[in-house]
């Protein structure tokens, strides 16, 4: 296991144990699901769609201010970079 993978798993664990982040993520996912449903309706309720969009922006902003969530995003990005480098190396060797 790479250091990046361990860091990502530790960050995921910390986020999962944090009730405040868990609640924000649940609310965010619920709002996104509702927005998709509203936009799929024949007669879209523009006011509700706008309200949901504002709520989603607010929730995303709150998450971006949380150090545990920021660490998770950073750790996931680092791990993704490792996977990309591995895939690039594999692809180079197959040419």
PDB file of N, CA and C in Angstrom:
ATOM      1  N   UNK A   1       0.839  -1.177   0.000  1.00  0.00           N
ATOM      2  CA  UNK A   1       0.000   0.000   0.000  1.00  0.00           C
ATOM      3  C   UNK A   1       0.884   1.240   0.000  1.00  0.00           C
ATOM      4  N   UNK A   2       0.568   2.148  -0.910  1.00  0.00           N
ATOM      5  CA  UNK A   2       1.358   3.375  -1.007  1.00  0.00           C
ATOM      6  C   UNK A   2       0.988   4.337   0.116  1.00  0.00           C
ATOM      7  N   UNK A   3       1.877   5.280   0.355  1.00  0.00           N
ATOM      8  CA  UNK A   3       1.620   6.311   1.372  1.00  0.00           C
ATOM      9  C   UNK A   3       0.373   7.115   0.997  1.00  0.00           C
ATOM     10  N   UNK A   4       0.188   7.345  -0.306  1.00  0.00           N
ATOM     11  CA  UNK A   4      -0.974   8.101  -0.766  1.00  0.00           C
ATOM     12  C   UNK A   4      -2.277   7.351  -0.489  1.00  0.00           C
ATOM     13  N   UNK A   5      -2.239   6.043  -0.672  1.00  0.00           N
ATOM     14  CA  UNK A   5      -3.424   5.226  -0.410  1.00  0.00           C
ATOM     15  C   UNK A   5      -3.755   5.232   1.080  1.00  0.00           C
ATOM     16  N   UNK A   6      -2.746   5.057   1.909  1.00  0.00           N
ATOM     17  CA  UNK A   6      -2.947   5.051   3.362  1.00  0.00           C
ATOM     18  C   UNK A   6      -3.491   6.405   3.816  1.00  0.00           C
ATOM     19  N   UNK A   7      -2.917   7.471   3.285  1.00  0.00           N
ATOM     20  CA  UNK A   7      -3.392   8.820   3.630  1.00  0.00           C
ATOM     21  C   UNK A   7      -4.863   8.986   3.248  1.00  0.00           C
ATOM     22  N   UNK A   8      -5.221   8.524   2.057  1.00  0.00           N
ATOM     23  CA  UNK A   8      -6.602   8.640   1.599  1.00  0.00           C
ATOM     24  C   UNK A   8      -7.546   7.835   2.495  1.00  0.00           C
ATOM     25  N   UNK A   9      -7.168   6.609   2.835  1.00  0.00           N
ATOM     26  CA  UNK A   9      -8.015   5.770   3.689  1.00  0.00           C
ATOM     27  C   UNK A   9      -8.171   6.390   5.080  1.00  0.00           C
ATOM     28  N   UNK A  10      -7.089   6.947   5.616  1.00  0.00           N
ATOM     29  CA  UNK A  10      -7.165   7.610   6.923  1.00  0.00           C
ATOM     30  C   UNK A  10      -8.086   8.826   6.864  1.00  0.00           C
ATOM     31  N   UNK A  11      -7.999   9.578   5.784  1.00  0.00           N
ATOM     32  CA  UNK A  11      -8.849  10.760   5.619  1.00  0.00           C
ATOM     33  C   UNK A  11     -10.307  10.348   5.476  1.00  0.00           C
ATOM     34  N   UNK A  12     -10.562   9.273   4.723  1.00  0.00           N
ATOM     35  CA  UNK A  12     -11.935   8.774   4.575  1.00  0.00           C
ATOM     36  C   UNK A  12     -12.498   8.357   5.931  1.00  0.00           C
ATOM     37  N   UNK A  13     -11.690   7.680   6.710  1.00  0.00           N
ATOM     38  CA  UNK A  13     -12.118   7.223   8.031  1.00  0.00           C
ATOM     39  C   UNK A  13     -12.447   8.410   8.935  1.00  0.00           C
ATOM     40  N   UNK A  14     -11.611   9.435   8.893  1.00  0.00           N
ATOM     41  CA  UNK A  14     -11.837  10.621   9.723  1.00  0.00           C
ATOM     42  C   UNK A  14     -13.135  11.324   9.329  1.00  0.00           C
ATOM     43  N   UNK A  15     -13.392  11.413   8.036  1.00  0.00           N
ATOM     44  CA  UNK A  15     -14.615  12.054   7.557  1.00  0.00           C
ATOM     45  C   UNK A  15     -15.838  11.237   7.974  1.00  0.00           C
ATOM     46  N   UNK A  16     -15.755   9.918   7.829  1.00  0.00           N
ATOM     47  CA  UNK A  16     -16.886   9.049   8.177  1.00  0.00           C
ATOM     48  C   UNK A  16     -17.219   9.112   9.666  1.00  0.00           C
ATOM     49  N   UNK A  17     -16.228   9.401  10.497  1.00  0.00           N
ATOM     50  CA  UNK A  17     -16.441   9.466  11.945  1.00  0.00           C
ATOM     51  C   UNK A  17     -16.956  10.832  12.397  1.00  0.00           C
ATOM     52  N   UNK A  18     -16.925  11.811  11.505  1.00  0.00           N
ATOM     53  CA  UNK A  18     -17.324  13.167  11.859  1.00  0.00           C
ATOM     54  C   UNK A  18     -18.804  13.370  11.538  1.00  0.00           C
ATOM     55  N   UNK A  19     -19.622  13.468  12.586  1.00  0.00           N
ATOM     56  CA  UNK A  19     -21.070  13.581  12.395  1.00  0.00           C
ATOM     57  C   UNK A  19     -21.463  14.832  11.618  1.00  0.00           C
ATOM     58  N   UNK A  20     -20.754  15.933  11.849  1.00  0.00           N
ATOM     59  CA  UNK A  20     -21.098  17.186  11.160  1.00  0.00           C
ATOM     60  C   UNK A  20     -20.874  17.058   9.650  1.00  0.00           C
ATOM     61  N   UNK A  21     -19.741  16.493   9.253  1.00  0.00           N
ATOM     62  CA  UNK A  21     -19.459  16.323   7.820  1.00  0.00           C
ATOM     63  C   UNK A  21     -20.436  15.319   7.215  1.00  0.00           C
ATOM     64  N   UNK A  22     -20.680  14.238   7.926  1.00  0.00           N
ATOM     65  CA  UNK A  22     -21.612  13.220   7.438  1.00  0.00           C
ATOM     66  C   UNK A  22     -22.993  13.825   7.187  1.00  0.00           C
ATOM     67  N   UNK A  23     -23.442  14.660   8.109  1.00  0.00           N
ATOM     68  CA  UNK A  23     -24.744  15.316   7.948  1.00  0.00           C
ATOM     69  C   UNK A  23     -24.732  16.266   6.754  1.00  0.00           C
ATOM     70  N   UNK A  24     -23.642  17.028   6.593  1.00  0.00           N
ATOM     71  CA  UNK A  24     -23.538  17.938   5.443  1.00  0.00           C
ATOM     72  C   UNK A  24     -23.558  17.162   4.126  1.00  0.00           C
ATOM     73  N   UNK A  25     -22.815  16.067   4.075  1.00  0.00           N
ATOM     74  CA  UNK A  25     -22.767  15.269   2.848  1.00  0.00           C
ATOM     75  C   UNK A  25     -24.127  14.659   2.520  1.00  0.00           C
ATOM     76  N   UNK A  26     -24.838  14.210   3.541  1.00  0.00           N
ATOM     77  CA  UNK A  26     -26.169  13.649   3.316  1.00  0.00           C
ATOM     78  C   UNK A  26     -27.118  14.722   2.797  1.00  0.00           C
ATOM     79  N   UNK A  27     -27.089  15.886   3.433  1.00  0.00           N
ATOM     80  CA  UNK A  27     -27.958  16.978   2.995  1.00  0.00           C
ATOM     81  C   UNK A  27     -27.603  17.402   1.568  1.00  0.00           C
ATOM     82  N   UNK A  28     -26.308  17.475   1.268  1.00  0.00           N
ATOM     83  CA  UNK A  28     -25.864  17.851  -0.076  1.00  0.00           C
ATOM     84  C   UNK A  28     -26.374  16.846  -1.107  1.00  0.00           C
ATOM     85  N   UNK A  29     -26.213  15.561  -0.830  1.00  0.00           N
ATOM     86  CA  UNK A  29     -26.681  14.534  -1.768  1.00  0.00           C
ATOM     87  C   UNK A  29     -28.196  14.562  -1.932  1.00  0.00           C
ATOM     88  N   UNK A  30     -28.910  14.804  -0.840  1.00  0.00           N
ATOM     89  CA  UNK A  30     -30.367  14.907  -0.916  1.00  0.00           C
ATOM     90  C   UNK A  30     -30.783  16.085  -1.793  1.00  0.00           C
ATOM     91  N   UNK A  31     -30.119  17.226  -1.612  1.00  0.00           N
ATOM     92  CA  UNK A  31     -30.437  18.426  -2.408  1.00  0.00           C
ATOM     93  C   UNK A  31     -30.122  18.190  -3.886  1.00  0.00           C
ATOM     94  N   UNK A  32     -28.993  17.543  -4.151  1.00  0.00           N
ATOM     95  CA  UNK A  32     -28.634  17.253  -5.553  1.00  0.00           C
ATOM     96  C   UNK A  32     -29.663  16.327  -6.195  1.00  0.00           C
ATOM     97  N   UNK A  33     -30.059  15.291  -5.458  1.00  0.00           N
ATOM     98  CA  UNK A  33     -31.072  14.364  -5.976  1.00  0.00           C
ATOM     99  C   UNK A  33     -32.374  15.090  -6.261  1.00  0.00           C
ATOM    100  N   UNK A  34     -32.774  15.970  -5.342  1.00  0.00           N
ATOM    101  CA  UNK A  34     -34.013  16.723  -5.520  1.00  0.00           C
ATOM    102  C   UNK A  34     -33.904  17.664  -6.717  1.00  0.00           C
ATOM    103  N   UNK A  35     -32.748  18.294  -6.896  1.00  0.00           N
ATOM    104  CA  UNK A  35     -32.548  19.196  -8.031  1.00  0.00           C
ATOM    105  C   UNK A  35     -32.675  18.432  -9.347  1.00  0.00           C
ATOM    106  N   UNK A  36     -32.088  17.261  -9.413  1.00  0.00           N
ATOM    107  CA  UNK A  36     -32.198  16.438 -10.623  1.00  0.00           C
ATOM    108  C   UNK A  36     -33.659  16.110 -10.897  1.00  0.00           C
ATOM    109  N   UNK A  37     -34.394  15.769  -9.851  1.00  0.00           N
ATOM    110  CA  UNK A  37     -35.814  15.439 -10.010  1.00  0.00           C
ATOM    111  C   UNK A  37     -36.611  16.658 -10.479  1.00  0.00           C
ATOM    112  N   UNK A  38     -36.325  17.812  -9.890  1.00  0.00           N
ATOM    113  CA  UNK A  38     -37.042  19.040 -10.271  1.00  0.00           C
ATOM    114  C   UNK A  38     -36.764  19.383 -11.734  1.00  0.00           C
ATOM    115  N   UNK A  39     -35.517  19.265 -12.139  1.00  0.00           N
ATOM    116  CA  UNK A  39     -35.153  19.603 -13.522  1.00  0.00           C
ATOM    117  C   UNK A  39     -35.708  18.603 -14.527  1.00  0.00           C
ATOM    118  N   UNK A  40     -36.007  17.406 -14.077  1.00  0.00           N
ATOM    119  CA  UNK A  40     -36.540  16.372 -14.972  1.00  0.00           C
ATOM    120  C   UNK A  40     -38.053  16.496 -15.152  1.00  0.00           C
ATOM    121  N   UNK A  41     -38.699  17.284 -14.307  1.00  0.00           N
ATOM    122  CA  UNK A  41     -40.151  17.434 -14.403  1.00  0.00           C
ATOM    123  C   UNK A  41     -40.526  18.191 -15.670  1.00  0.00           C
ATOM    124  N   UNK A  42     -41.729  17.861 -16.199  1.00  0.00           N
ATOM    125  CA  UNK A  42     -42.205  18.531 -17.412  1.00  0.00           C
ATOM    126  C   UNK A  42     -42.279  20.041 -17.218  1.00  0.00           C
ATOM    127  N   UNK A  43     -42.803  20.450 -16.091  1.00  0.00           N
ATOM    128  CA  UNK A  43     -42.898  21.873 -15.791  1.00  0.00           C
ATOM    129  C   UNK A  43     -41.968  22.170 -14.624  1.00  0.00           C
ATOM    130  N   UNK A  44     -40.748  22.558 -14.964  1.00  0.00           N
ATOM    131  CA  UNK A  44     -39.726  22.798 -13.958  1.00  0.00           C
ATOM    132  C   UNK A  44     -40.114  23.983 -13.083  1.00  0.00           C
ATOM    133  N   UNK A  45     -40.000  23.782 -11.787  1.00  0.00           N
ATOM    134  CA  UNK A  45     -40.224  24.845 -10.811  1.00  0.00           C
ATOM    135  C   UNK A  45     -38.909  25.615 -10.675  1.00  0.00           C
ATOM    136  N   UNK A  46     -38.804  26.713 -11.435  1.00  0.00           N
ATOM    137  CA  UNK A  46     -37.549  27.466 -11.457  1.00  0.00           C
ATOM    138  C   UNK A  46     -37.169  28.019 -10.090  1.00  0.00           C
ATOM    139  N   UNK A  47     -38.171  28.414  -9.314  1.00  0.00           N
ATOM    140  CA  UNK A  47     -37.886  28.957  -7.995  1.00  0.00           C
ATOM    141  C   UNK A  47     -37.283  27.882  -7.086  1.00  0.00           C
ATOM    142  N   UNK A  48     -37.857  26.680  -7.123  1.00  0.00           N
ATOM    143  CA  UNK A  48     -37.300  25.591  -6.310  1.00  0.00           C
ATOM    144  C   UNK A  48     -35.913  25.211  -6.812  1.00  0.00           C
ATOM    145  N   UNK A  49     -35.726  25.171  -8.118  1.00  0.00           N
ATOM    146  CA  UNK A  49     -34.413  24.829  -8.677  1.00  0.00           C
ATOM    147  C   UNK A  49     -33.364  25.856  -8.234  1.00  0.00           C
ATOM    148  N   UNK A  50     -33.733  27.118  -8.249  1.00  0.00           N
ATOM    149  CA  UNK A  50     -32.812  28.167  -7.818  1.00  0.00           C
ATOM    150  C   UNK A  50     -32.491  28.030  -6.331  1.00  0.00           C
ATOM    151  N   UNK A  51     -33.512  27.767  -5.528  1.00  0.00           N
ATOM    152  CA  UNK A  51     -33.311  27.590  -4.087  1.00  0.00           C
ATOM    153  C   UNK A  51     -32.397  26.398  -3.809  1.00  0.00           C
ATOM    154  N   UNK A  52     -32.630  25.300  -4.516  1.00  0.00           N
ATOM    155  CA  UNK A  52     -31.799  24.110  -4.335  1.00  0.00           C
ATOM    156  C   UNK A  52     -30.359  24.381  -4.753  1.00  0.00           C
ATOM    157  N   UNK A  53     -30.181  25.100  -5.849  1.00  0.00           N
ATOM    158  CA  UNK A  53     -28.843  25.440  -6.319  1.00  0.00           C
ATOM    159  C   UNK A  53     -28.113  26.290  -5.285  1.00  0.00           C
ATOM    160  N   UNK A  54     -28.824  27.256  -4.711  1.00  0.00           N
ATOM    161  CA  UNK A  54     -28.224  28.090  -3.659  1.00  0.00           C
ATOM    162  C   UNK A  54     -27.851  27.240  -2.444  1.00  0.00           C
ATOM    163  N   UNK A  55     -28.739  26.313  -2.065  1.00  0.00           N
ATOM    164  CA  UNK A  55     -28.454  25.427  -0.930  1.00  0.00           C
ATOM    165  C   UNK A  55     -27.230  24.564  -1.211  1.00  0.00           C
ATOM    166  N   UNK A  56     -27.141  24.036  -2.421  1.00  0.00           N
ATOM    167  CA  UNK A  56     -26.000  23.191  -2.806  1.00  0.00           C
ATOM    168  C   UNK A  56     -24.706  23.997  -2.734  1.00  0.00           C
ATOM    169  N   UNK A  57     -24.728  25.217  -3.262  1.00  0.00           N
ATOM    170  CA  UNK A  57     -23.540  26.079  -3.205  1.00  0.00           C
ATOM    171  C   UNK A  57     -23.125  26.347  -1.758  1.00  0.00           C
ATOM    172  N   UNK A  58     -24.107  26.614  -0.893  1.00  0.00           N
ATOM    173  CA  UNK A  58     -23.832  26.899   0.513  1.00  0.00           C
ATOM    174  C   UNK A  58     -23.204  25.675   1.193  1.00  0.00           C
ATOM    175  N   UNK A  59     -23.785  24.497   0.946  1.00  0.00           N
ATOM    176  CA  UNK A  59     -23.273  23.270   1.558  1.00  0.00           C
ATOM    177  C   UNK A  59     -21.869  22.945   1.063  1.00  0.00           C
ATOM    178  N   UNK A  60     -21.639  23.120  -0.232  1.00  0.00           N
ATOM    179  CA  UNK A  60     -20.298  22.867  -0.774  1.00  0.00           C
ATOM    180  C   UNK A  60     -19.285  23.825  -0.152  1.00  0.00           C
ATOM    181  N   UNK A  61     -19.694  25.074   0.053  1.00  0.00           N
ATOM    182  CA  UNK A  61     -18.814  26.047   0.694  1.00  0.00           C
ATOM    183  C   UNK A  61     -18.477  25.644   2.120  1.00  0.00           C
ATOM    184  N   UNK A  62     -19.472  25.146   2.861  1.00  0.00           N
ATOM    185  CA  UNK A  62     -19.222  24.693   4.230  1.00  0.00           C
ATOM    186  C   UNK A  62     -18.250  23.523   4.252  1.00  0.00           C
ATOM    187  N   UNK A  63     -18.409  22.612   3.298  1.00  0.00           N
ATOM    188  CA  UNK A  63     -17.488  21.465   3.236  1.00  0.00           C
ATOM    189  C   UNK A  63     -16.074  21.928   2.910  1.00  0.00           C
ATOM    190  N   UNK A  64     -15.948  22.894   1.988  1.00  0.00           N
ATOM    191  CA  UNK A  64     -14.625  23.382   1.586  1.00  0.00           C
ATOM    192  C   UNK A  64     -13.897  24.084   2.730  1.00  0.00           C
ATOM    193  N   UNK A  65     -14.655  24.515   3.739  1.00  0.00           N
ATOM    194  CA  UNK A  65     -14.050  25.184   4.891  1.00  0.00           C
ATOM    195  C   UNK A  65     -13.668  24.197   5.996  1.00  0.00           C
ATOM    196  N   UNK A  66     -14.041  22.942   5.846  1.00  0.00           N
ATOM    197  CA  UNK A  66     -13.775  21.947   6.882  1.00  0.00           C
ATOM    198  C   UNK A  66     -12.426  21.278   6.610  1.00  0.00           C
ATOM    199  N   UNK A  67     -11.486  21.376   7.554  1.00  0.00           N
ATOM    200  CA  UNK A  67     -10.147  20.809   7.331  1.00  0.00           C
ATOM    201  C   UNK A  67     -10.140  19.304   7.057  1.00  0.00           C
ATOM    202  N   UNK A  68     -11.019  18.550   7.699  1.00  0.00           N
ATOM    203  CA  UNK A  68     -11.060  17.101   7.444  1.00  0.00           C
ATOM    204  C   UNK A  68     -11.492  16.814   6.014  1.00  0.00           C
ATOM    205  N   UNK A  69     -12.482  17.557   5.529  1.00  0.00           N
ATOM    206  CA  UNK A  69     -12.961  17.358   4.164  1.00  0.00           C
ATOM    207  C   UNK A  69     -11.897  17.794   3.155  1.00  0.00           C
ATOM    208  N   UNK A  70     -11.233  18.910   3.427  1.00  0.00           N
ATOM    209  CA  UNK A  70     -10.166  19.389   2.543  1.00  0.00           C
ATOM    210  C   UNK A  70      -9.046  18.354   2.470  1.00  0.00           C
ATOM    211  N   UNK A  71      -8.700  17.763   3.606  1.00  0.00           N
ATOM    212  CA  UNK A  71      -7.665  16.724   3.620  1.00  0.00           C
ATOM    213  C   UNK A  71      -8.090  15.522   2.784  1.00  0.00           C
ATOM    214  N   UNK A  72      -9.362  15.146   2.884  1.00  0.00           N
ATOM    215  CA  UNK A  72      -9.853  14.028   2.081  1.00  0.00           C
ATOM    216  C   UNK A  72      -9.726  14.344   0.595  1.00  0.00           C
ATOM    217  N   UNK A  73     -10.135  15.529   0.182  1.00  0.00           N
ATOM    218  CA  UNK A  73     -10.062  15.901  -1.238  1.00  0.00           C
ATOM    219  C   UNK A  73      -8.600  15.916  -1.712  1.00  0.00           C
ATOM    220  N   UNK A  74      -7.717  16.442  -0.881  1.00  0.00           N
ATOM    221  CA  UNK A  74      -6.295  16.494  -1.231  1.00  0.00           C
ATOM    222  C   UNK A  74      -5.708  15.092  -1.325  1.00  0.00           C
ATOM    223  N   UNK A  75      -6.053  14.243  -0.362  1.00  0.00           N
ATOM    224  CA  UNK A  75      -5.543  12.867  -0.352  1.00  0.00           C
ATOM    225  C   UNK A  75      -6.061  12.083  -1.554  1.00  0.00           C
ATOM    226  N   UNK A  76      -7.336  12.270  -1.893  1.00  0.00           N
ATOM    227  CA  UNK A  76      -7.897  11.587  -3.062  1.00  0.00           C
ATOM    228  C   UNK A  76      -7.203  12.049  -4.339  1.00  0.00           C
ATOM    229  N   UNK A  77      -6.919  13.333  -4.430  1.00  0.00           N
ATOM    230  CA  UNK A  77      -6.234  13.867  -5.602  1.00  0.00           C
ATOM    231  C   UNK A  77      -4.815  13.294  -5.716  1.00  0.00           C
ATOM    232  N   UNK A  78      -4.115  13.198  -4.598  1.00  0.00           N
ATOM    233  CA  UNK A  78      -2.762  12.628  -4.604  1.00  0.00           C
ATOM    234  C   UNK A  78      -2.779  11.169  -5.037  1.00  0.00           C
ATOM    235  N   UNK A  79      -3.740  10.414  -4.510  1.00  0.00           N
ATOM    236  CA  UNK A  79      -3.841   9.001  -4.870  1.00  0.00           C
ATOM    237  C   UNK A  79      -4.203   8.856  -6.348  1.00  0.00           C
ATOM    238  N   UNK A  80      -5.084   9.706  -6.822  1.00  0.00           N
ATOM    239  CA  UNK A  80      -5.458   9.682  -8.241  1.00  0.00           C
ATOM    240  C   UNK A  80      -4.241   9.953  -9.127  1.00  0.00           C
ATOM    241  N   UNK A  81      -3.383  10.861  -8.692  1.00  0.00           N
ATOM    242  CA  UNK A  81      -2.164  11.164  -9.449  1.00  0.00           C
ATOM    243  C   UNK A  81      -1.252   9.949  -9.526  1.00  0.00           C
ATOM    244  N   UNK A  82      -1.156   9.201  -8.420  1.00  0.00           N
ATOM    245  CA  UNK A  82      -0.344   7.976  -8.414  1.00  0.00           C
ATOM    246  C   UNK A  82      -0.918   6.968  -9.406  1.00  0.00           C
ATOM    247  N   UNK A  83      -2.237   6.789  -9.381  1.00  0.00           N
ATOM    248  CA  UNK A  83      -2.873   5.841 -10.309  1.00  0.00           C
ATOM    249  C   UNK A  83      -2.651   6.257 -11.761  1.00  0.00           C
ATOM    250  N   UNK A  84      -2.755   7.540 -12.023  1.00  0.00           N
ATOM    251  CA  UNK A  84      -2.528   8.042 -13.380  1.00  0.00           C
ATOM    252  C   UNK A  84      -1.094   7.756 -13.821  1.00  0.00           C
ATOM    253  N   UNK A  85      -0.137   7.985 -12.934  1.00  0.00           N
ATOM    254  CA  UNK A  85       1.264   7.725 -13.260  1.00  0.00           C
ATOM    255  C   UNK A  85       1.492   6.240 -13.535  1.00  0.00           C
ATOM    256  N   UNK A  86       0.870   5.392 -12.740  1.00  0.00           N
ATOM    257  CA  UNK A  86       0.991   3.939 -12.947  1.00  0.00           C
ATOM    258  C   UNK A  86       0.383   3.549 -14.290  1.00  0.00           C
ATOM    259  N   UNK A  87      -0.798   4.060 -14.578  1.00  0.00           N
ATOM    260  CA  UNK A  87      -1.455   3.750 -15.856  1.00  0.00           C
ATOM    261  C   UNK A  87      -0.637   4.249 -17.034  1.00  0.00           C
ATOM    262  N   UNK A  88      -0.069   5.443 -16.903  1.00  0.00           N
ATOM    263  CA  UNK A  88       0.774   5.979 -17.982  1.00  0.00           C
ATOM    264  C   UNK A  88       1.985   5.086 -18.214  1.00  0.00           C
ATOM    265  N   UNK A  89       2.575   4.596 -17.129  1.00  0.00           N
ATOM    266  CA  UNK A  89       3.740   3.722 -17.240  1.00  0.00           C
ATOM    267  C   UNK A  89       3.360   2.411 -17.900  1.00  0.00           C
ATOM    268  N   UNK A  90       2.232   1.855 -17.513  1.00  0.00           N
ATOM    269  CA  UNK A  90       1.748   0.605 -18.116  1.00  0.00           C
ATOM    270  C   UNK A  90       1.506   0.802 -19.601  1.00  0.00           C
ATOM    271  N   UNK A  91       0.847   1.899 -19.944  1.00  0.00           N
ATOM    272  CA  UNK A  91       0.544   2.178 -21.348  1.00  0.00           C
ATOM    273  C   UNK A  91       1.811   2.396 -22.163  1.00  0.00           C
ATOM    274  N   UNK A  92       2.813   3.028 -21.589  1.00  0.00           N
ATOM    275  CA  UNK A  92       4.085   3.245 -22.294  1.00  0.00           C
ATOM    276  C   UNK A  92       4.760   1.912 -22.586  1.00  0.00           C
ATOM    277  N   UNK A  93       4.665   0.979 -21.641  1.00  0.00           N
ATOM    278  CA  UNK A  93       5.313  -0.318 -21.814  1.00  0.00           C
ATOM    279  C   UNK A  93       4.571  -1.208 -22.795  1.00  0.00           C
ATOM    280  N   UNK A  94       3.323  -0.890 -23.086  1.00  0.00           N
ATOM    281  CA  UNK A  94       2.542  -1.691 -24.029  1.00  0.00           C
ATOM    282  C   UNK A  94       2.649  -1.197 -25.463  1.00  0.00           C
ATOM    283  N   UNK A  95       3.363  -0.112 -25.651  1.00  0.00           N
ATOM    284  CA  UNK A  95       3.492   0.444 -27.013  1.00  0.00           C
ATOM    285  C   UNK A  95       4.585  -0.274 -27.758  1.00  0.00           C
TER     286      UNK A  95
END
